[in-house]
Amino acid sequence: MKSIVLVNGEVSDGMVPVTDSSVLRGDGCFEVMMAYGGVVFAVDEHLARLERSAAALKIPLPDRDQIALWVDQVSSGMGDVAVRVVVTRGSAIPGEPGDPMVIVFAHPSPPPAGPARLFPVTAPWHGAGEKWALAGAKILSYAPNLSSTRLAIENGFDDALLISSDGTMLEGPTFSVAGVVDGVLETPTLDLGILDSITRRLVLEDAVALGITLVEGRWPLQRLGDASEVMALSTTREVQPVSAIGDRQFGEGPVTSHLARSFSQRLG
């Protein structure tokens, strides 16, 4: 079944004007959420983050309840799909009229099969804790992140692990990471300017509920030499074990398995 596409609540052919800010400038923000059996998971949390991103960009949004209705309309009857909400500023041509657009559509997004193999990539474009206006915003300008994914694939891996210029672990191009060292769950702190991932947030809540000691902090890549497990966390990956980062190998251990089961229970 093909998804309908809504633009500001109206059914659309999905065409975006070539003069739109998203096309010419990558000026906008977005959210991706998963629907299971047509029911979108954590929609309120995702739309709250969308509001924060749009506010950072100074793009006005319709009321959250209105966007939630559009999300429900698009996902209804679609089964297990990813639902995207894309916000653009409108025309990027000076003097040309153009109001912000909220585009909502769904598409298949099956979870990855098996563990991920990650390739460390230095990310000089990442703020890595430097304060700036768009720190932590989920903006459209993902070209550097996707370039790091292509570099990882070219080197025989599945995806990248972004590292700051001083060697601090950050996040994946489209996911958060966490590792287990001596039974303690360690994950990069949000103070590094990484995305406040909804999945990361919920998995950390589950870890605390399960009695797993949790530490958020800053670690060099070499810290992984002490890790027994590593996992990738995102809306589409859910809780995915990581089997390798560079030449370091990992097994799928009990903490990853417990957190994957706990998160799966949230999904119904």
C-alpha atoms as a PDB file:
ATOM      1  CA  MET A   1       0.000   0.000   0.000  1.00  0.00           C
ATOM      2  CA  LYS A   2       1.387   3.385  -1.004  1.00  0.00           C
ATOM      3  CA  SER A   3       1.380   6.162   1.566  1.00  0.00           C
ATOM      4  CA  ILE A   4      -0.507   9.356   1.008  1.00  0.00           C
ATOM      5  CA  VAL A   5       1.568  12.523   1.236  1.00  0.00           C
ATOM      6  CA  LEU A   6       0.194  15.467   3.166  1.00  0.00           C
ATOM      7  CA  VAL A   7       1.539  18.995   2.773  1.00  0.00           C
ATOM      8  CA  ASN A   8       0.117  21.304   5.441  1.00  0.00           C
ATOM      9  CA  GLY A   9      -2.689  18.776   5.842  1.00  0.00           C
ATOM     10  CA  GLU A  10      -3.667  18.614   2.163  1.00  0.00           C
ATOM     11  CA  VAL A  11      -3.170  15.515   0.021  1.00  0.00           C
ATOM     12  CA  SER A  12      -0.279  16.194  -2.339  1.00  0.00           C
ATOM     13  CA  ASP A  13       1.598  14.580  -5.210  1.00  0.00           C
ATOM     14  CA  GLY A  14       4.721  14.886  -3.057  1.00  0.00           C
ATOM     15  CA  MET A  15       6.432  17.380  -5.352  1.00  0.00           C
ATOM     16  CA  VAL A  16       8.498  20.075  -3.615  1.00  0.00           C
ATOM     17  CA  PRO A  17       9.211  23.331  -5.514  1.00  0.00           C
ATOM     18  CA  VAL A  18      12.805  23.666  -6.664  1.00  0.00           C
ATOM     19  CA  THR A  19      12.864  27.077  -5.001  1.00  0.00           C
ATOM     20  CA  ASP A  20      12.027  25.611  -1.576  1.00  0.00           C
ATOM     21  CA  SER A  21      14.509  26.132   1.253  1.00  0.00           C
ATOM     22  CA  SER A  22      14.856  22.374   1.725  1.00  0.00           C
ATOM     23  CA  VAL A  23      16.060  21.981  -1.866  1.00  0.00           C
ATOM     24  CA  LEU A  24      18.287  25.035  -2.183  1.00  0.00           C
ATOM     25  CA  ARG A  25      19.611  25.393   1.364  1.00  0.00           C
ATOM     26  CA  GLY A  26      18.785  22.265   3.367  1.00  0.00           C
ATOM     27  CA  ASP A  27      17.004  24.725   5.642  1.00  0.00           C
ATOM     28  CA  GLY A  28      14.463  22.858   7.711  1.00  0.00           C
ATOM     29  CA  CYS A  29      14.032  20.091  10.267  1.00  0.00           C
ATOM     30  CA  PHE A  30      12.461  16.655  10.469  1.00  0.00           C
ATOM     31  CA  GLU A  31      11.389  13.715  12.586  1.00  0.00           C
ATOM     32  CA  VAL A  32      11.180   9.996  11.889  1.00  0.00           C
ATOM     33  CA  MET A  33       8.915   7.817  13.993  1.00  0.00           C
ATOM     34  CA  MET A  34       7.815   4.204  13.683  1.00  0.00           C
ATOM     35  CA  ALA A  35       4.259   2.962  13.363  1.00  0.00           C
ATOM     36  CA  TYR A  36       3.587  -0.595  14.484  1.00  0.00           C
ATOM     37  CA  GLY A  37       0.336  -2.002  13.162  1.00  0.00           C
ATOM     38  CA  GLY A  38      -0.553   1.513  12.055  1.00  0.00           C
ATOM     39  CA  VAL A  39      -0.071   2.988  15.554  1.00  0.00           C
ATOM     40  CA  VAL A  40       2.775   5.484  15.864  1.00  0.00           C
ATOM     41  CA  PHE A  41       5.122   4.952  18.807  1.00  0.00           C
ATOM     42  CA  ALA A  42       6.130   7.898  21.044  1.00  0.00           C
ATOM     43  CA  VAL A  43       4.478  10.439  18.749  1.00  0.00           C
ATOM     44  CA  ASP A  44       4.249  13.115  21.425  1.00  0.00           C
ATOM     45  CA  GLU A  45       7.952  12.837  22.283  1.00  0.00           C
ATOM     46  CA  HIS A  46       8.917  13.079  18.610  1.00  0.00           C
ATOM     47  CA  LEU A  47       6.704  16.086  17.955  1.00  0.00           C
ATOM     48  CA  ALA A  48       8.028  17.827  21.066  1.00  0.00           C
ATOM     49  CA  ARG A  49      11.530  17.443  19.654  1.00  0.00           C
ATOM     50  CA  LEU A  50      10.305  18.689  16.270  1.00  0.00           C
ATOM     51  CA  GLU A  51       9.028  21.816  18.014  1.00  0.00           C
ATOM     52  CA  ARG A  52      12.428  22.371  19.615  1.00  0.00           C
ATOM     53  CA  SER A  53      14.186  21.977  16.273  1.00  0.00           C
ATOM     54  CA  ALA A  54      11.775  24.335  14.505  1.00  0.00           C
ATOM     55  CA  ALA A  55      12.121  26.894  17.308  1.00  0.00           C
ATOM     56  CA  ALA A  56      15.918  26.781  16.965  1.00  0.00           C
ATOM     57  CA  LEU A  57      15.500  27.471  13.236  1.00  0.00           C
ATOM     58  CA  LYS A  58      12.791  30.092  13.921  1.00  0.00           C
ATOM     59  CA  ILE A  59      10.269  28.295  11.696  1.00  0.00           C
ATOM     60  CA  PRO A  60       6.661  28.516  12.941  1.00  0.00           C
ATOM     61  CA  LEU A  61       4.725  25.262  13.254  1.00  0.00           C
ATOM     62  CA  PRO A  62       1.039  24.367  13.456  1.00  0.00           C
ATOM     63  CA  ASP A  63      -0.192  23.114  16.821  1.00  0.00           C
ATOM     64  CA  ARG A  64       1.249  19.775  17.895  1.00  0.00           C
ATOM     65  CA  ASP A  65      -2.215  18.196  17.982  1.00  0.00           C
ATOM     66  CA  GLN A  66      -2.748  19.180  14.356  1.00  0.00           C
ATOM     67  CA  ILE A  67       0.507  17.577  13.209  1.00  0.00           C
ATOM     68  CA  ALA A  68      -0.332  14.487  15.289  1.00  0.00           C
ATOM     69  CA  LEU A  69      -3.616  14.177  13.372  1.00  0.00           C
ATOM     70  CA  TRP A  70      -1.722  14.312  10.082  1.00  0.00           C
ATOM     71  CA  VAL A  71       0.699  11.642  11.339  1.00  0.00           C
ATOM     72  CA  ASP A  72      -2.235   9.433  12.315  1.00  0.00           C
ATOM     73  CA  GLN A  73      -3.910  10.000   8.951  1.00  0.00           C
ATOM     74  CA  VAL A  74      -0.787   8.966   7.044  1.00  0.00           C
ATOM     75  CA  SER A  75      -0.011   5.899   9.173  1.00  0.00           C
ATOM     76  CA  SER A  76      -3.551   4.537   9.447  1.00  0.00           C
ATOM     77  CA  GLY A  77      -3.834   1.139   7.792  1.00  0.00           C
ATOM     78  CA  MET A  78      -0.147   1.106   6.779  1.00  0.00           C
ATOM     79  CA  GLY A  79       1.077  -1.588   9.190  1.00  0.00           C
ATOM     80  CA  ASP A  80       4.715  -1.326  10.293  1.00  0.00           C
ATOM     81  CA  VAL A  81       6.199   1.739   8.606  1.00  0.00           C
ATOM     82  CA  ALA A  82       8.370   4.753   9.272  1.00  0.00           C
ATOM     83  CA  VAL A  83       6.517   8.069   9.320  1.00  0.00           C
ATOM     84  CA  ARG A  84       8.448  11.189   8.369  1.00  0.00           C
ATOM     85  CA  VAL A  85       7.543  14.759   9.196  1.00  0.00           C
ATOM     86  CA  VAL A  86       9.626  17.250   7.200  1.00  0.00           C
ATOM     87  CA  VAL A  87       9.427  20.974   7.887  1.00  0.00           C
ATOM     88  CA  THR A  88      10.763  23.523   5.396  1.00  0.00           C
ATOM     89  CA  ARG A  89      10.979  27.303   5.646  1.00  0.00           C
ATOM     90  CA  GLY A  90       9.322  27.813   2.265  1.00  0.00           C
ATOM     91  CA  SER A  91      10.808  29.587  -0.728  1.00  0.00           C
ATOM     92  CA  ALA A  92      14.521  30.396  -0.511  1.00  0.00           C
ATOM     93  CA  ILE A  93      14.276  33.007  -3.301  1.00  0.00           C
ATOM     94  CA  PRO A  94      14.358  36.582  -1.924  1.00  0.00           C
ATOM     95  CA  GLY A  95      11.081  38.357  -2.514  1.00  0.00           C
ATOM     96  CA  GLU A  96       9.242  35.201  -3.584  1.00  0.00           C
ATOM     97  CA  PRO A  97       6.251  34.348  -1.391  1.00  0.00           C
ATOM     98  CA  GLY A  98       6.349  31.005   0.307  1.00  0.00           C
ATOM     99  CA  ASP A  99       5.050  29.823   3.650  1.00  0.00           C
ATOM    100  CA  PRO A 100       6.603  27.025   5.711  1.00  0.00           C
ATOM    101  CA  MET A 101       5.617  23.526   4.642  1.00  0.00           C
ATOM    102  CA  VAL A 102       4.940  20.534   6.899  1.00  0.00           C
ATOM    103  CA  ILE A 103       5.241  17.367   4.809  1.00  0.00           C
ATOM    104  CA  VAL A 104       4.054  14.058   6.291  1.00  0.00           C
ATOM    105  CA  PHE A 105       4.383  10.648   4.635  1.00  0.00           C
ATOM    106  CA  ALA A 106       5.169   7.016   5.436  1.00  0.00           C
ATOM    107  CA  HIS A 107       7.462   4.410   3.921  1.00  0.00           C
ATOM    108  CA  PRO A 108       8.661   0.864   4.688  1.00  0.00           C
ATOM    109  CA  SER A 109      11.630   0.679   7.065  1.00  0.00           C
ATOM    110  CA  PRO A 110      12.339  -2.874   8.250  1.00  0.00           C
ATOM    111  CA  PRO A 111      14.774  -3.168  11.169  1.00  0.00           C
ATOM    112  CA  PRO A 112      18.340  -4.094  10.182  1.00  0.00           C
ATOM    113  CA  ALA A 113      19.149  -7.779  10.113  1.00  0.00           C
ATOM    114  CA  GLY A 114      21.880  -8.727  12.539  1.00  0.00           C
ATOM    115  CA  PRO A 115      24.577  -6.711  14.293  1.00  0.00           C
ATOM    116  CA  ALA A 116      26.200  -3.566  12.882  1.00  0.00           C
ATOM    117  CA  ARG A 117      29.876  -3.110  12.020  1.00  0.00           C
ATOM    118  CA  LEU A 118      30.983   0.505  12.522  1.00  0.00           C
ATOM    119  CA  PHE A 119      33.938   2.431  11.111  1.00  0.00           C
ATOM    120  CA  PRO A 120      35.301   5.344  13.172  1.00  0.00           C
ATOM    121  CA  VAL A 121      35.159   8.624  11.224  1.00  0.00           C
ATOM    122  CA  THR A 122      36.425  11.978  12.484  1.00  0.00           C
ATOM    123  CA  ALA A 123      33.594  14.540  12.294  1.00  0.00           C
ATOM    124  CA  PRO A 124      35.026  18.097  12.264  1.00  0.00           C
ATOM    125  CA  TRP A 125      31.547  19.432  11.394  1.00  0.00           C
ATOM    126  CA  HIS A 126      30.122  18.188  14.700  1.00  0.00           C
ATOM    127  CA  GLY A 127      29.898  20.743  17.519  1.00  0.00           C
ATOM    128  CA  ALA A 128      31.117  18.128  20.034  1.00  0.00           C
ATOM    129  CA  GLY A 129      30.045  20.273  22.975  1.00  0.00           C
ATOM    130  CA  GLU A 130      30.601  23.721  21.480  1.00  0.00           C
ATOM    131  CA  LYS A 131      27.563  25.898  22.134  1.00  0.00           C
ATOM    132  CA  TRP A 132      25.794  27.114  18.998  1.00  0.00           C
ATOM    133  CA  ALA A 133      22.251  27.959  17.947  1.00  0.00           C
ATOM    134  CA  LEU A 134      21.381  24.582  16.394  1.00  0.00           C
ATOM    135  CA  ALA A 135      23.145  22.260  18.845  1.00  0.00           C
ATOM    136  CA  GLY A 136      20.989  19.141  19.249  1.00  0.00           C
ATOM    137  CA  ALA A 137      18.437  20.207  16.598  1.00  0.00           C
ATOM    138  CA  LYS A 138      17.362  17.571  14.061  1.00  0.00           C
ATOM    139  CA  ILE A 139      17.979  19.643  10.951  1.00  0.00           C
ATOM    140  CA  LEU A 140      17.790  18.607   7.293  1.00  0.00           C
ATOM    141  CA  SER A 141      21.473  19.243   6.555  1.00  0.00           C
ATOM    142  CA  TYR A 142      22.719  15.653   6.943  1.00  0.00           C
ATOM    143  CA  ALA A 143      25.162  15.620   4.010  1.00  0.00           C
ATOM    144  CA  PRO A 144      28.309  15.328   6.212  1.00  0.00           C
ATOM    145  CA  ASN A 145      26.746  12.490   8.225  1.00  0.00           C
ATOM    146  CA  LEU A 146      25.718  10.587   5.117  1.00  0.00           C
ATOM    147  CA  SER A 147      29.172  11.117   3.635  1.00  0.00           C
ATOM    148  CA  SER A 148      30.616   9.383   6.704  1.00  0.00           C
ATOM    149  CA  THR A 149      28.238   6.452   6.139  1.00  0.00           C
ATOM    150  CA  ARG A 150      29.439   6.126   2.532  1.00  0.00           C
ATOM    151  CA  LEU A 151      33.062   6.240   3.705  1.00  0.00           C
ATOM    152  CA  ALA A 152      32.341   3.455   6.183  1.00  0.00           C
ATOM    153  CA  ILE A 153      30.720   1.303   3.495  1.00  0.00           C
ATOM    154  CA  GLU A 154      33.652   1.908   1.155  1.00  0.00           C
ATOM    155  CA  ASN A 155      35.888   0.504   3.893  1.00  0.00           C
ATOM    156  CA  GLY A 156      33.792  -2.641   4.271  1.00  0.00           C
ATOM    157  CA  PHE A 157      31.640  -1.613   7.234  1.00  0.00           C
ATOM    158  CA  ASP A 158      27.888  -1.044   7.658  1.00  0.00           C
ATOM    159  CA  ASP A 159      27.992   2.492   9.020  1.00  0.00           C
ATOM    160  CA  ALA A 160      30.129   5.056  10.828  1.00  0.00           C
ATOM    161  CA  LEU A 161      30.863   6.006  14.413  1.00  0.00           C
ATOM    162  CA  LEU A 162      31.499   9.750  14.580  1.00  0.00           C
ATOM    163  CA  ILE A 163      34.517  10.904  16.549  1.00  0.00           C
ATOM    164  CA  SER A 164      35.345  14.503  17.478  1.00  0.00           C
ATOM    165  CA  SER A 165      38.566  16.136  16.318  1.00  0.00           C
ATOM    166  CA  ASP A 166      40.110  15.398  19.737  1.00  0.00           C
ATOM    167  CA  GLY A 167      39.114  11.713  19.562  1.00  0.00           C
ATOM    168  CA  THR A 168      35.956  11.764  21.712  1.00  0.00           C
ATOM    169  CA  MET A 169      33.182   9.308  20.817  1.00  0.00           C
ATOM    170  CA  LEU A 170      29.982  11.084  19.740  1.00  0.00           C
ATOM    171  CA  GLU A 171      27.217   9.165  17.929  1.00  0.00           C
ATOM    172  CA  GLY A 172      26.428   7.446  14.671  1.00  0.00           C
ATOM    173  CA  PRO A 173      25.310   9.425  11.600  1.00  0.00           C
ATOM    174  CA  THR A 174      21.677   8.535  12.374  1.00  0.00           C
ATOM    175  CA  PHE A 175      21.808   6.771  15.742  1.00  0.00           C
ATOM    176  CA  SER A 176      23.102   6.924  19.304  1.00  0.00           C
ATOM    177  CA  VAL A 177      25.623   4.515  20.780  1.00  0.00           C
ATOM    178  CA  ALA A 178      26.182   2.921  24.174  1.00  0.00           C
ATOM    179  CA  GLY A 179      28.664   0.389  25.518  1.00  0.00           C
ATOM    180  CA  VAL A 180      29.049  -1.898  28.500  1.00  0.00           C
ATOM    181  CA  VAL A 181      32.237  -1.712  30.573  1.00  0.00           C
ATOM    182  CA  ASP A 182      32.477  -3.958  33.645  1.00  0.00           C
ATOM    183  CA  GLY A 183      28.681  -4.250  33.744  1.00  0.00           C
ATOM    184  CA  VAL A 184      28.156  -0.461  33.580  1.00  0.00           C
ATOM    185  CA  LEU A 185      26.194   1.027  30.681  1.00  0.00           C
ATOM    186  CA  GLU A 186      28.164   3.977  29.296  1.00  0.00           C
ATOM    187  CA  THR A 187      26.875   6.429  26.691  1.00  0.00           C
ATOM    188  CA  PRO A 188      28.095   9.808  25.396  1.00  0.00           C
ATOM    189  CA  THR A 189      26.519  12.725  27.244  1.00  0.00           C
ATOM    190  CA  LEU A 190      24.039  15.096  25.610  1.00  0.00           C
ATOM    191  CA  ASP A 191      26.434  17.875  26.627  1.00  0.00           C
ATOM    192  CA  LEU A 192      28.466  16.843  23.584  1.00  0.00           C
ATOM    193  CA  GLY A 193      25.701  18.198  21.353  1.00  0.00           C
ATOM    194  CA  ILE A 194      24.569  14.769  20.181  1.00  0.00           C
ATOM    195  CA  LEU A 195      20.915  14.269  19.305  1.00  0.00           C
ATOM    196  CA  ASP A 196      18.559  13.725  22.233  1.00  0.00           C
ATOM    197  CA  SER A 197      17.401  10.434  20.732  1.00  0.00           C
ATOM    198  CA  ILE A 198      13.952   9.269  21.829  1.00  0.00           C
ATOM    199  CA  THR A 199      15.095   5.642  21.680  1.00  0.00           C
ATOM    200  CA  ARG A 200      18.238   6.452  23.673  1.00  0.00           C
ATOM    201  CA  ARG A 201      16.150   8.224  26.305  1.00  0.00           C
ATOM    202  CA  LEU A 202      13.750   5.300  26.717  1.00  0.00           C
ATOM    203  CA  VAL A 203      16.485   2.666  26.714  1.00  0.00           C
ATOM    204  CA  LEU A 204      18.321   4.539  29.462  1.00  0.00           C
ATOM    205  CA  GLU A 205      15.076   4.613  31.473  1.00  0.00           C
ATOM    206  CA  ASP A 206      14.774   0.856  30.979  1.00  0.00           C
ATOM    207  CA  ALA A 207      18.373   0.350  32.082  1.00  0.00           C
ATOM    208  CA  VAL A 208      17.741   2.170  35.358  1.00  0.00           C
ATOM    209  CA  ALA A 209      14.528   0.181  35.906  1.00  0.00           C
ATOM    210  CA  LEU A 210      16.457  -3.057  35.328  1.00  0.00           C
ATOM    211  CA  GLY A 211      19.069  -2.067  37.926  1.00  0.00           C
ATOM    212  CA  ILE A 212      21.834  -1.530  35.369  1.00  0.00           C
ATOM    213  CA  THR A 213      24.325   1.119  36.467  1.00  0.00           C
ATOM    214  CA  LEU A 214      24.317   3.997  33.967  1.00  0.00           C
ATOM    215  CA  VAL A 215      26.973   6.629  33.310  1.00  0.00           C
ATOM    216  CA  GLU A 216      26.732   9.423  30.728  1.00  0.00           C
ATOM    217  CA  GLY A 217      30.070  11.036  29.980  1.00  0.00           C
ATOM    218  CA  ARG A 218      32.929  11.739  27.593  1.00  0.00           C
ATOM    219  CA  TRP A 219      35.287   8.987  26.502  1.00  0.00           C
ATOM    220  CA  PRO A 220      37.994   8.596  23.878  1.00  0.00           C
ATOM    221  CA  LEU A 221      37.602   5.958  21.198  1.00  0.00           C
ATOM    222  CA  GLN A 222      40.176   3.867  23.064  1.00  0.00           C
ATOM    223  CA  ARG A 223      37.584   3.342  25.817  1.00  0.00           C
ATOM    224  CA  LEU A 224      36.046   0.671  23.604  1.00  0.00           C
ATOM    225  CA  GLY A 225      39.070  -1.485  24.355  1.00  0.00           C
ATOM    226  CA  ASP A 226      37.480  -2.086  27.761  1.00  0.00           C
ATOM    227  CA  ALA A 227      33.923  -2.668  26.462  1.00  0.00           C
ATOM    228  CA  SER A 228      32.317  -6.096  26.314  1.00  0.00           C
ATOM    229  CA  GLU A 229      29.191  -4.956  24.434  1.00  0.00           C
ATOM    230  CA  VAL A 230      28.236  -2.034  22.188  1.00  0.00           C
ATOM    231  CA  MET A 231      24.793  -1.154  20.854  1.00  0.00           C
ATOM    232  CA  ALA A 232      23.275   1.277  18.344  1.00  0.00           C
ATOM    233  CA  LEU A 233      20.008   2.985  19.329  1.00  0.00           C
ATOM    234  CA  SER A 234      17.516   4.675  17.017  1.00  0.00           C
ATOM    235  CA  THR A 235      13.880   4.740  15.968  1.00  0.00           C
ATOM    236  CA  THR A 236      14.454   2.448  12.982  1.00  0.00           C
ATOM    237  CA  ARG A 237      17.242   0.300  14.500  1.00  0.00           C
ATOM    238  CA  GLU A 238      15.587   0.032  17.930  1.00  0.00           C
ATOM    239  CA  VAL A 239      18.316  -1.692  20.045  1.00  0.00           C
ATOM    240  CA  GLN A 240      20.850  -3.153  17.608  1.00  0.00           C
ATOM    241  CA  PRO A 241      23.974  -4.988  18.759  1.00  0.00           C
ATOM    242  CA  VAL A 242      27.297  -3.789  17.333  1.00  0.00           C
ATOM    243  CA  SER A 243      29.723  -6.571  16.432  1.00  0.00           C
ATOM    244  CA  ALA A 244      32.728  -4.436  15.470  1.00  0.00           C
ATOM    245  CA  ILE A 245      34.099  -0.912  15.635  1.00  0.00           C
ATOM    246  CA  GLY A 246      37.164  -0.735  13.449  1.00  0.00           C
ATOM    247  CA  ASP A 247      39.270  -3.780  14.283  1.00  0.00           C
ATOM    248  CA  ARG A 248      37.696  -4.221  17.740  1.00  0.00           C
ATOM    249  CA  GLN A 249      35.195  -7.110  17.928  1.00  0.00           C
ATOM    250  CA  PHE A 250      32.224  -7.424  20.300  1.00  0.00           C
ATOM    251  CA  GLY A 251      29.776 -10.141  21.223  1.00  0.00           C
ATOM    252  CA  GLU A 252      26.040  -9.725  21.715  1.00  0.00           C
ATOM    253  CA  GLY A 253      25.988  -9.777  25.505  1.00  0.00           C
ATOM    254  CA  PRO A 254      23.295  -9.951  28.186  1.00  0.00           C
ATOM    255  CA  VAL A 255      22.861  -6.193  28.714  1.00  0.00           C
ATOM    256  CA  THR A 256      22.120  -5.581  25.036  1.00  0.00           C
ATOM    257  CA  SER A 257      19.712  -8.528  25.003  1.00  0.00           C
ATOM    258  CA  HIS A 258      17.889  -7.357  28.148  1.00  0.00           C
ATOM    259  CA  LEU A 259      17.534  -3.812  26.834  1.00  0.00           C
ATOM    260  CA  ALA A 260      16.362  -5.022  23.415  1.00  0.00           C
ATOM    261  CA  ARG A 261      13.641  -7.147  25.043  1.00  0.00           C
ATOM    262  CA  SER A 262      12.604  -4.341  27.357  1.00  0.00           C
ATOM    263  CA  PHE A 263      12.336  -1.870  24.499  1.00  0.00           C
ATOM    264  CA  SER A 264      10.413  -4.376  22.399  1.00  0.00           C
ATOM    265  CA  GLN A 265       7.873  -4.669  25.219  1.00  0.00           C
ATOM    266  CA  ARG A 266       7.277  -0.924  24.989  1.00  0.00           C
ATOM    267  CA  LEU A 267       6.265  -1.362  21.366  1.00  0.00           C
ATOM    268  CA  GLY A 268       3.436  -3.726  22.232  1.00  0.00           C
END
